[in-house]
């Protein structure tokens, strides 16, 4: 039986842990500030940056091909037409 937590699906040394930690240490204040107060609810710039870095690091750009994408996005997906829908 699979755990309900996506976090449990990833091994201890998985690359996603490093990428999440690394992006968490980058100063993204100007990027975050540029999103403040514009239009409808946006996806987190930190989450989108993490997805971008992880995708380039692995060569995988589809959330359907990687459980790590589900971890990074808290089991939601960024989509141009839908905001934060569950997989």
PDB file of N, CA and C in Angstrom:
ATOM      1  N   UNK A   1       0.843  -1.182   0.000  1.00  0.00           N
ATOM      2  CA  UNK A   1       0.000   0.000   0.000  1.00  0.00           C
ATOM      3  C   UNK A   1       0.889   1.246   0.000  1.00  0.00           C
ATOM      4  N   UNK A   2       0.597   2.191  -0.869  1.00  0.00           N
ATOM      5  CA  UNK A   2       1.367   3.428  -0.952  1.00  0.00           C
ATOM      6  C   UNK A   2       0.963   4.400   0.149  1.00  0.00           C
ATOM      7  N   UNK A   3       1.947   5.114   0.645  1.00  0.00           N
ATOM      8  CA  UNK A   3       1.705   6.160   1.624  1.00  0.00           C
ATOM      9  C   UNK A   3       0.924   7.291   0.964  1.00  0.00           C
ATOM     10  N   UNK A   4       0.098   7.984   1.735  1.00  0.00           N
ATOM     11  CA  UNK A   4      -0.638   9.127   1.208  1.00  0.00           C
ATOM     12  C   UNK A   4       0.254  10.345   1.040  1.00  0.00           C
ATOM     13  N   UNK A   5       1.401  10.347   1.677  1.00  0.00           N
ATOM     14  CA  UNK A   5       2.322  11.478   1.599  1.00  0.00           C
ATOM     15  C   UNK A   5       3.279  11.298   0.429  1.00  0.00           C
ATOM     16  N   UNK A   6       3.258  12.252  -0.501  1.00  0.00           N
ATOM     17  CA  UNK A   6       4.160  12.209  -1.660  1.00  0.00           C
ATOM     18  C   UNK A   6       5.608  12.209  -1.180  1.00  0.00           C
ATOM     19  N   UNK A   7       5.865  12.890  -0.094  1.00  0.00           N
ATOM     20  CA  UNK A   7       7.208  12.955   0.492  1.00  0.00           C
ATOM     21  C   UNK A   7       7.771  11.555   0.768  1.00  0.00           C
ATOM     22  N   UNK A   8       6.921  10.634   1.175  1.00  0.00           N
ATOM     23  CA  UNK A   8       7.346   9.268   1.478  1.00  0.00           C
ATOM     24  C   UNK A   8       7.697   8.460   0.226  1.00  0.00           C
ATOM     25  N   UNK A   9       7.304   8.928  -0.936  1.00  0.00           N
ATOM     26  CA  UNK A   9       7.561   8.203  -2.178  1.00  0.00           C
ATOM     27  C   UNK A   9       8.970   8.436  -2.705  1.00  0.00           C
ATOM     28  N   UNK A  10       9.689   9.399  -2.115  1.00  0.00           N
ATOM     29  CA  UNK A  10      11.018   9.765  -2.602  1.00  0.00           C
ATOM     30  C   UNK A  10      12.094   9.255  -1.653  1.00  0.00           C
ATOM     31  N   UNK A  11      13.175   8.755  -2.216  1.00  0.00           N
ATOM     32  CA  UNK A  11      14.263   8.221  -1.393  1.00  0.00           C
ATOM     33  C   UNK A  11      14.980   9.340  -0.645  1.00  0.00           C
ATOM     34  N   UNK A  12      15.700   8.966   0.378  1.00  0.00           N
ATOM     35  CA  UNK A  12      16.397   9.934   1.236  1.00  0.00           C
ATOM     36  C   UNK A  12      17.391  10.794   0.462  1.00  0.00           C
ATOM     37  N   UNK A  13      18.103  10.239  -0.486  1.00  0.00           N
ATOM     38  CA  UNK A  13      19.116  10.988  -1.227  1.00  0.00           C
ATOM     39  C   UNK A  13      18.632  11.564  -2.545  1.00  0.00           C
ATOM     40  N   UNK A  14      17.337  11.618  -2.754  1.00  0.00           N
ATOM     41  CA  UNK A  14      16.768  12.072  -4.023  1.00  0.00           C
ATOM     42  C   UNK A  14      17.186  13.513  -4.324  1.00  0.00           C
ATOM     43  N   UNK A  15      17.446  13.800  -5.591  1.00  0.00           N
ATOM     44  CA  UNK A  15      17.874  15.119  -6.039  1.00  0.00           C
ATOM     45  C   UNK A  15      16.892  16.220  -5.649  1.00  0.00           C
ATOM     46  N   UNK A  16      15.628  15.919  -5.587  1.00  0.00           N
ATOM     47  CA  UNK A  16      14.629  16.944  -5.282  1.00  0.00           C
ATOM     48  C   UNK A  16      14.887  17.614  -3.934  1.00  0.00           C
ATOM     49  N   UNK A  17      15.399  16.874  -2.958  1.00  0.00           N
ATOM     50  CA  UNK A  17      15.672  17.457  -1.637  1.00  0.00           C
ATOM     51  C   UNK A  17      16.732  18.553  -1.766  1.00  0.00           C
ATOM     52  N   UNK A  18      17.761  18.291  -2.566  1.00  0.00           N
ATOM     53  CA  UNK A  18      18.822  19.270  -2.773  1.00  0.00           C
ATOM     54  C   UNK A  18      18.287  20.512  -3.489  1.00  0.00           C
ATOM     55  N   UNK A  19      17.512  20.312  -4.545  1.00  0.00           N
ATOM     56  CA  UNK A  19      17.004  21.433  -5.331  1.00  0.00           C
ATOM     57  C   UNK A  19      16.073  22.305  -4.478  1.00  0.00           C
ATOM     58  N   UNK A  20      15.187  21.690  -3.712  1.00  0.00           N
ATOM     59  CA  UNK A  20      14.282  22.451  -2.847  1.00  0.00           C
ATOM     60  C   UNK A  20      15.080  23.261  -1.830  1.00  0.00           C
ATOM     61  N   UNK A  21      16.083  22.651  -1.228  1.00  0.00           N
ATOM     62  CA  UNK A  21      16.917  23.357  -0.253  1.00  0.00           C
ATOM     63  C   UNK A  21      17.696  24.494  -0.919  1.00  0.00           C
ATOM     64  N   UNK A  22      18.258  24.234  -2.091  1.00  0.00           N
ATOM     65  CA  UNK A  22      19.044  25.236  -2.796  1.00  0.00           C
ATOM     66  C   UNK A  22      18.191  26.454  -3.164  1.00  0.00           C
ATOM     67  N   UNK A  23      17.022  26.226  -3.736  1.00  0.00           N
ATOM     68  CA  UNK A  23      16.153  27.342  -4.128  1.00  0.00           C
ATOM     69  C   UNK A  23      15.695  28.108  -2.884  1.00  0.00           C
ATOM     70  N   UNK A  24      15.501  27.395  -1.782  1.00  0.00           N
ATOM     71  CA  UNK A  24      15.123  28.054  -0.537  1.00  0.00           C
ATOM     72  C   UNK A  24      16.175  29.019  -0.021  1.00  0.00           C
ATOM     73  N   UNK A  25      17.406  28.876  -0.465  1.00  0.00           N
ATOM     74  CA  UNK A  25      18.498  29.743  -0.024  1.00  0.00           C
ATOM     75  C   UNK A  25      18.755  30.918  -0.977  1.00  0.00           C
ATOM     76  N   UNK A  26      18.094  30.915  -2.123  1.00  0.00           N
ATOM     77  CA  UNK A  26      18.272  31.986  -3.102  1.00  0.00           C
ATOM     78  C   UNK A  26      17.368  33.166  -2.718  1.00  0.00           C
ATOM     79  N   UNK A  27      17.888  34.367  -2.838  1.00  0.00           N
ATOM     80  CA  UNK A  27      17.098  35.561  -2.568  1.00  0.00           C
ATOM     81  C   UNK A  27      16.196  35.837  -3.771  1.00  0.00           C
ATOM     82  N   UNK A  28      14.923  35.507  -3.630  1.00  0.00           N
ATOM     83  CA  UNK A  28      13.953  35.700  -4.706  1.00  0.00           C
ATOM     84  C   UNK A  28      12.998  36.855  -4.390  1.00  0.00           C
ATOM     85  N   UNK A  29      13.421  37.759  -3.512  1.00  0.00           N
ATOM     86  CA  UNK A  29      12.549  38.858  -3.076  1.00  0.00           C
ATOM     87  C   UNK A  29      12.019  39.676  -4.255  1.00  0.00           C
ATOM     88  N   UNK A  30      12.878  40.059  -5.178  1.00  0.00           N
ATOM     89  CA  UNK A  30      12.410  40.901  -6.298  1.00  0.00           C
ATOM     90  C   UNK A  30      11.407  40.141  -7.170  1.00  0.00           C
ATOM     91  N   UNK A  31      11.610  38.842  -7.329  1.00  0.00           N
ATOM     92  CA  UNK A  31      10.662  38.035  -8.091  1.00  0.00           C
ATOM     93  C   UNK A  31       9.328  37.947  -7.349  1.00  0.00           C
ATOM     94  N   UNK A  32       9.379  37.695  -6.046  1.00  0.00           N
ATOM     95  CA  UNK A  32       8.151  37.630  -5.242  1.00  0.00           C
ATOM     96  C   UNK A  32       7.423  38.966  -5.247  1.00  0.00           C
ATOM     97  N   UNK A  33       8.163  40.055  -5.096  1.00  0.00           N
ATOM     98  CA  UNK A  33       7.551  41.384  -5.065  1.00  0.00           C
ATOM     99  C   UNK A  33       6.870  41.731  -6.381  1.00  0.00           C
ATOM    100  N   UNK A  34       7.411  41.252  -7.490  1.00  0.00           N
ATOM    101  CA  UNK A  34       6.808  41.553  -8.795  1.00  0.00           C
ATOM    102  C   UNK A  34       5.456  40.864  -8.967  1.00  0.00           C
ATOM    103  N   UNK A  35       5.186  39.830  -8.180  1.00  0.00           N
ATOM    104  CA  UNK A  35       3.916  39.114  -8.252  1.00  0.00           C
ATOM    105  C   UNK A  35       2.861  39.720  -7.327  1.00  0.00           C
ATOM    106  N   UNK A  36       3.271  40.506  -6.356  1.00  0.00           N
ATOM    107  CA  UNK A  36       2.362  41.008  -5.325  1.00  0.00           C
ATOM    108  C   UNK A  36       1.314  41.948  -5.901  1.00  0.00           C
ATOM    109  N   UNK A  37       0.046  41.641  -5.616  1.00  0.00           N
ATOM    110  CA  UNK A  37      -1.040  42.547  -5.952  1.00  0.00           C
ATOM    111  C   UNK A  37      -1.437  42.635  -7.406  1.00  0.00           C
ATOM    112  N   UNK A  38      -1.086  41.670  -8.217  1.00  0.00           N
ATOM    113  CA  UNK A  38      -1.437  41.710  -9.636  1.00  0.00           C
ATOM    114  C   UNK A  38      -2.392  40.574  -9.994  1.00  0.00           C
ATOM    115  N   UNK A  39      -3.557  40.923 -10.472  1.00  0.00           N
ATOM    116  CA  UNK A  39      -4.487  39.938 -11.016  1.00  0.00           C
ATOM    117  C   UNK A  39      -4.982  38.911 -10.024  1.00  0.00           C
ATOM    118  N   UNK A  40      -5.360  37.757 -10.554  1.00  0.00           N
ATOM    119  CA  UNK A  40      -5.879  36.684  -9.718  1.00  0.00           C
ATOM    120  C   UNK A  40      -4.742  35.965  -9.000  1.00  0.00           C
ATOM    121  N   UNK A  41      -5.106  35.026  -8.166  1.00  0.00           N
ATOM    122  CA  UNK A  41      -4.124  34.279  -7.383  1.00  0.00           C
ATOM    123  C   UNK A  41      -3.083  33.629  -8.302  1.00  0.00           C
ATOM    124  N   UNK A  42      -1.821  33.803  -7.951  1.00  0.00           N
ATOM    125  CA  UNK A  42      -0.736  33.254  -8.769  1.00  0.00           C
ATOM    126  C   UNK A  42      -0.092  32.067  -8.066  1.00  0.00           C
ATOM    127  N   UNK A  43       0.657  31.296  -8.825  1.00  0.00           N
ATOM    128  CA  UNK A  43       1.444  30.223  -8.236  1.00  0.00           C
ATOM    129  C   UNK A  43       2.682  30.826  -7.606  1.00  0.00           C
ATOM    130  N   UNK A  44       3.178  30.190  -6.594  1.00  0.00           N
ATOM    131  CA  UNK A  44       4.355  30.673  -5.880  1.00  0.00           C
ATOM    132  C   UNK A  44       5.559  30.759  -6.815  1.00  0.00           C
ATOM    133  N   UNK A  45       6.207  31.920  -6.863  1.00  0.00           N
ATOM    134  CA  UNK A  45       7.412  32.048  -7.677  1.00  0.00           C
ATOM    135  C   UNK A  45       8.517  31.100  -7.214  1.00  0.00           C
ATOM    136  N   UNK A  46       8.551  30.812  -5.925  1.00  0.00           N
ATOM    137  CA  UNK A  46       9.550  29.869  -5.395  1.00  0.00           C
ATOM    138  C   UNK A  46       9.270  28.470  -5.940  1.00  0.00           C
ATOM    139  N   UNK A  47       8.004  28.065  -5.941  1.00  0.00           N
ATOM    140  CA  UNK A  47       7.641  26.749  -6.461  1.00  0.00           C
ATOM    141  C   UNK A  47       7.957  26.650  -7.947  1.00  0.00           C
ATOM    142  N   UNK A  48       7.635  27.696  -8.704  1.00  0.00           N
ATOM    143  CA  UNK A  48       7.902  27.674 -10.139  1.00  0.00           C
ATOM    144  C   UNK A  48       9.403  27.655 -10.435  1.00  0.00           C
ATOM    145  N   UNK A  49      10.180  28.388  -9.656  1.00  0.00           N
ATOM    146  CA  UNK A  49      11.641  28.376  -9.810  1.00  0.00           C
ATOM    147  C   UNK A  49      12.204  26.998  -9.497  1.00  0.00           C
ATOM    148  N   UNK A  50      11.681  26.370  -8.447  1.00  0.00           N
ATOM    149  CA  UNK A  50      12.121  25.024  -8.076  1.00  0.00           C
ATOM    150  C   UNK A  50      11.802  24.031  -9.187  1.00  0.00           C
ATOM    151  N   UNK A  51      10.608  24.125  -9.765  1.00  0.00           N
ATOM    152  CA  UNK A  51      10.240  23.256 -10.891  1.00  0.00           C
ATOM    153  C   UNK A  51      11.186  23.448 -12.067  1.00  0.00           C
ATOM    154  N   UNK A  52      11.483  24.693 -12.370  1.00  0.00           N
ATOM    155  CA  UNK A  52      12.378  24.993 -13.482  1.00  0.00           C
ATOM    156  C   UNK A  52      13.762  24.386 -13.248  1.00  0.00           C
ATOM    157  N   UNK A  53      14.344  24.614 -12.083  1.00  0.00           N
ATOM    158  CA  UNK A  53      15.670  24.073 -11.768  1.00  0.00           C
ATOM    159  C   UNK A  53      15.664  22.546 -11.784  1.00  0.00           C
ATOM    160  N   UNK A  54      14.648  21.938 -11.169  1.00  0.00           N
ATOM    161  CA  UNK A  54      14.589  20.476 -11.119  1.00  0.00           C
ATOM    162  C   UNK A  54      14.415  19.900 -12.531  1.00  0.00           C
ATOM    163  N   UNK A  55      13.559  20.514 -13.322  1.00  0.00           N
ATOM    164  CA  UNK A  55      13.347  20.049 -14.699  1.00  0.00           C
ATOM    165  C   UNK A  55      14.624  20.103 -15.525  1.00  0.00           C
ATOM    166  N   UNK A  56      15.354  21.212 -15.431  1.00  0.00           N
ATOM    167  CA  UNK A  56      16.613  21.318 -16.173  1.00  0.00           C
ATOM    168  C   UNK A  56      17.664  20.351 -15.644  1.00  0.00           C
ATOM    169  N   UNK A  57      17.687  20.134 -14.342  1.00  0.00           N
ATOM    170  CA  UNK A  57      18.682  19.230 -13.757  1.00  0.00           C
ATOM    171  C   UNK A  57      18.459  17.782 -14.171  1.00  0.00           C
ATOM    172  N   UNK A  58      17.208  17.414 -14.393  1.00  0.00           N
ATOM    173  CA  UNK A  58      16.891  16.023 -14.712  1.00  0.00           C
ATOM    174  C   UNK A  58      16.537  15.798 -16.175  1.00  0.00           C
ATOM    175  N   UNK A  59      16.241  16.865 -16.897  1.00  0.00           N
ATOM    176  CA  UNK A  59      15.804  16.720 -18.283  1.00  0.00           C
ATOM    177  C   UNK A  59      14.361  16.264 -18.393  1.00  0.00           C
ATOM    178  N   UNK A  60      13.628  16.312 -17.300  1.00  0.00           N
ATOM    179  CA  UNK A  60      12.217  15.915 -17.276  1.00  0.00           C
ATOM    180  C   UNK A  60      11.381  17.176 -17.095  1.00  0.00           C
ATOM    181  N   UNK A  61      10.432  17.405 -17.988  1.00  0.00           N
ATOM    182  CA  UNK A  61       9.626  18.621 -17.931  1.00  0.00           C
ATOM    183  C   UNK A  61       8.139  18.319 -17.857  1.00  0.00           C
ATOM    184  N   UNK A  62       7.784  17.091 -17.525  1.00  0.00           N
ATOM    185  CA  UNK A  62       6.383  16.720 -17.414  1.00  0.00           C
ATOM    186  C   UNK A  62       6.100  16.184 -16.018  1.00  0.00           C
ATOM    187  N   UNK A  63       5.088  16.736 -15.377  1.00  0.00           N
ATOM    188  CA  UNK A  63       4.729  16.272 -14.039  1.00  0.00           C
ATOM    189  C   UNK A  63       4.211  14.842 -14.056  1.00  0.00           C
ATOM    190  N   UNK A  64       3.807  14.366 -15.202  1.00  0.00           N
ATOM    191  CA  UNK A  64       3.312  12.993 -15.310  1.00  0.00           C
ATOM    192  C   UNK A  64       4.453  11.965 -15.278  1.00  0.00           C
ATOM    193  N   UNK A  65       5.685  12.456 -15.432  1.00  0.00           N
ATOM    194  CA  UNK A  65       6.830  11.556 -15.487  1.00  0.00           C
ATOM    195  C   UNK A  65       7.659  11.554 -14.203  1.00  0.00           C
ATOM    196  N   UNK A  66       7.272  12.348 -13.196  1.00  0.00           N
ATOM    197  CA  UNK A  66       8.110  12.470 -12.011  1.00  0.00           C
ATOM    198  C   UNK A  66       7.290  12.730 -10.758  1.00  0.00           C
ATOM    199  N   UNK A  67       7.432  11.858  -9.783  1.00  0.00           N
ATOM    200  CA  UNK A  67       6.793  12.055  -8.480  1.00  0.00           C
ATOM    201  C   UNK A  67       7.378  13.281  -7.794  1.00  0.00           C
ATOM    202  N   UNK A  68       8.624  13.600  -8.079  1.00  0.00           N
ATOM    203  CA  UNK A  68       9.268  14.769  -7.480  1.00  0.00           C
ATOM    204  C   UNK A  68       8.514  16.051  -7.838  1.00  0.00           C
ATOM    205  N   UNK A  69       7.964  16.128  -9.032  1.00  0.00           N
ATOM    206  CA  UNK A  69       7.175  17.302  -9.418  1.00  0.00           C
ATOM    207  C   UNK A  69       5.973  17.434  -8.487  1.00  0.00           C
ATOM    208  N   UNK A  70       5.369  16.323  -8.145  1.00  0.00           N
ATOM    209  CA  UNK A  70       4.215  16.357  -7.245  1.00  0.00           C
ATOM    210  C   UNK A  70       4.627  16.835  -5.856  1.00  0.00           C
ATOM    211  N   UNK A  71       5.823  16.473  -5.425  1.00  0.00           N
ATOM    212  CA  UNK A  71       6.316  16.945  -4.129  1.00  0.00           C
ATOM    213  C   UNK A  71       6.550  18.460  -4.182  1.00  0.00           C
ATOM    214  N   UNK A  72       7.235  18.928  -5.208  1.00  0.00           N
ATOM    215  CA  UNK A  72       7.562  20.348  -5.339  1.00  0.00           C
ATOM    216  C   UNK A  72       6.286  21.199  -5.359  1.00  0.00           C
ATOM    217  N   UNK A  73       5.258  20.728  -6.024  1.00  0.00           N
ATOM    218  CA  UNK A  73       4.033  21.507  -6.180  1.00  0.00           C
ATOM    219  C   UNK A  73       2.981  21.211  -5.119  1.00  0.00           C
ATOM    220  N   UNK A  74       3.350  20.463  -4.093  1.00  0.00           N
ATOM    221  CA  UNK A  74       2.400  20.083  -3.032  1.00  0.00           C
ATOM    222  C   UNK A  74       1.178  19.375  -3.626  1.00  0.00           C
ATOM    223  N   UNK A  75       1.443  18.509  -4.591  1.00  0.00           N
ATOM    224  CA  UNK A  75       0.434  17.678  -5.244  1.00  0.00           C
ATOM    225  C   UNK A  75      -0.594  18.489  -6.035  1.00  0.00           C
ATOM    226  N   UNK A  76      -0.183  19.648  -6.537  1.00  0.00           N
ATOM    227  CA  UNK A  76      -0.997  20.450  -7.444  1.00  0.00           C
ATOM    228  C   UNK A  76      -0.187  20.643  -8.713  1.00  0.00           C
ATOM    229  N   UNK A  77      -0.751  21.284  -9.705  1.00  0.00           N
ATOM    230  CA  UNK A  77       0.044  21.541 -10.896  1.00  0.00           C
ATOM    231  C   UNK A  77      -0.237  22.920 -11.457  1.00  0.00           C
ATOM    232  N   UNK A  78       0.828  23.618 -11.841  1.00  0.00           N
ATOM    233  CA  UNK A  78       0.644  24.914 -12.480  1.00  0.00           C
ATOM    234  C   UNK A  78       0.137  24.714 -13.899  1.00  0.00           C
ATOM    235  N   UNK A  79      -0.901  25.419 -14.252  1.00  0.00           N
ATOM    236  CA  UNK A  79      -1.496  25.283 -15.571  1.00  0.00           C
ATOM    237  C   UNK A  79      -1.988  26.649 -16.014  1.00  0.00           C
ATOM    238  N   UNK A  80      -1.868  26.946 -17.278  1.00  0.00           N
ATOM    239  CA  UNK A  80      -2.289  28.261 -17.772  1.00  0.00           C
ATOM    240  C   UNK A  80      -3.795  28.471 -17.650  1.00  0.00           C
ATOM    241  N   UNK A  81      -4.585  27.384 -17.625  1.00  0.00           N
ATOM    242  CA  UNK A  81      -6.032  27.517 -17.607  1.00  0.00           C
ATOM    243  C   UNK A  81      -6.653  27.260 -16.239  1.00  0.00           C
ATOM    244  N   UNK A  82      -5.957  26.511 -15.377  1.00  0.00           N
ATOM    245  CA  UNK A  82      -6.525  26.163 -14.073  1.00  0.00           C
ATOM    246  C   UNK A  82      -5.522  26.483 -12.986  1.00  0.00           C
ATOM    247  N   UNK A  83      -5.988  27.034 -11.911  1.00  0.00           N
ATOM    248  CA  UNK A  83      -5.088  27.446 -10.834  1.00  0.00           C
ATOM    249  C   UNK A  83      -5.100  26.430  -9.710  1.00  0.00           C
ATOM    250  N   UNK A  84      -4.016  25.632  -9.620  1.00  0.00           N
ATOM    251  CA  UNK A  84      -3.827  24.756  -8.473  1.00  0.00           C
ATOM    252  C   UNK A  84      -4.687  23.515  -8.437  1.00  0.00           C
ATOM    253  N   UNK A  85      -5.142  23.016  -9.558  1.00  0.00           N
ATOM    254  CA  UNK A  85      -5.933  21.798  -9.553  1.00  0.00           C
ATOM    255  C   UNK A  85      -5.095  20.613  -9.092  1.00  0.00           C
ATOM    256  N   UNK A  86      -5.738  19.658  -8.458  1.00  0.00           N
ATOM    257  CA  UNK A  86      -5.053  18.453  -8.014  1.00  0.00           C
ATOM    258  C   UNK A  86      -4.859  17.526  -9.193  1.00  0.00           C
ATOM    259  N   UNK A  87      -3.775  16.775  -9.206  1.00  0.00           N
ATOM    260  CA  UNK A  87      -3.465  15.848 -10.302  1.00  0.00           C
ATOM    261  C   UNK A  87      -4.638  15.005 -10.660  1.00  0.00           C
TER     262      UNK A  87
END
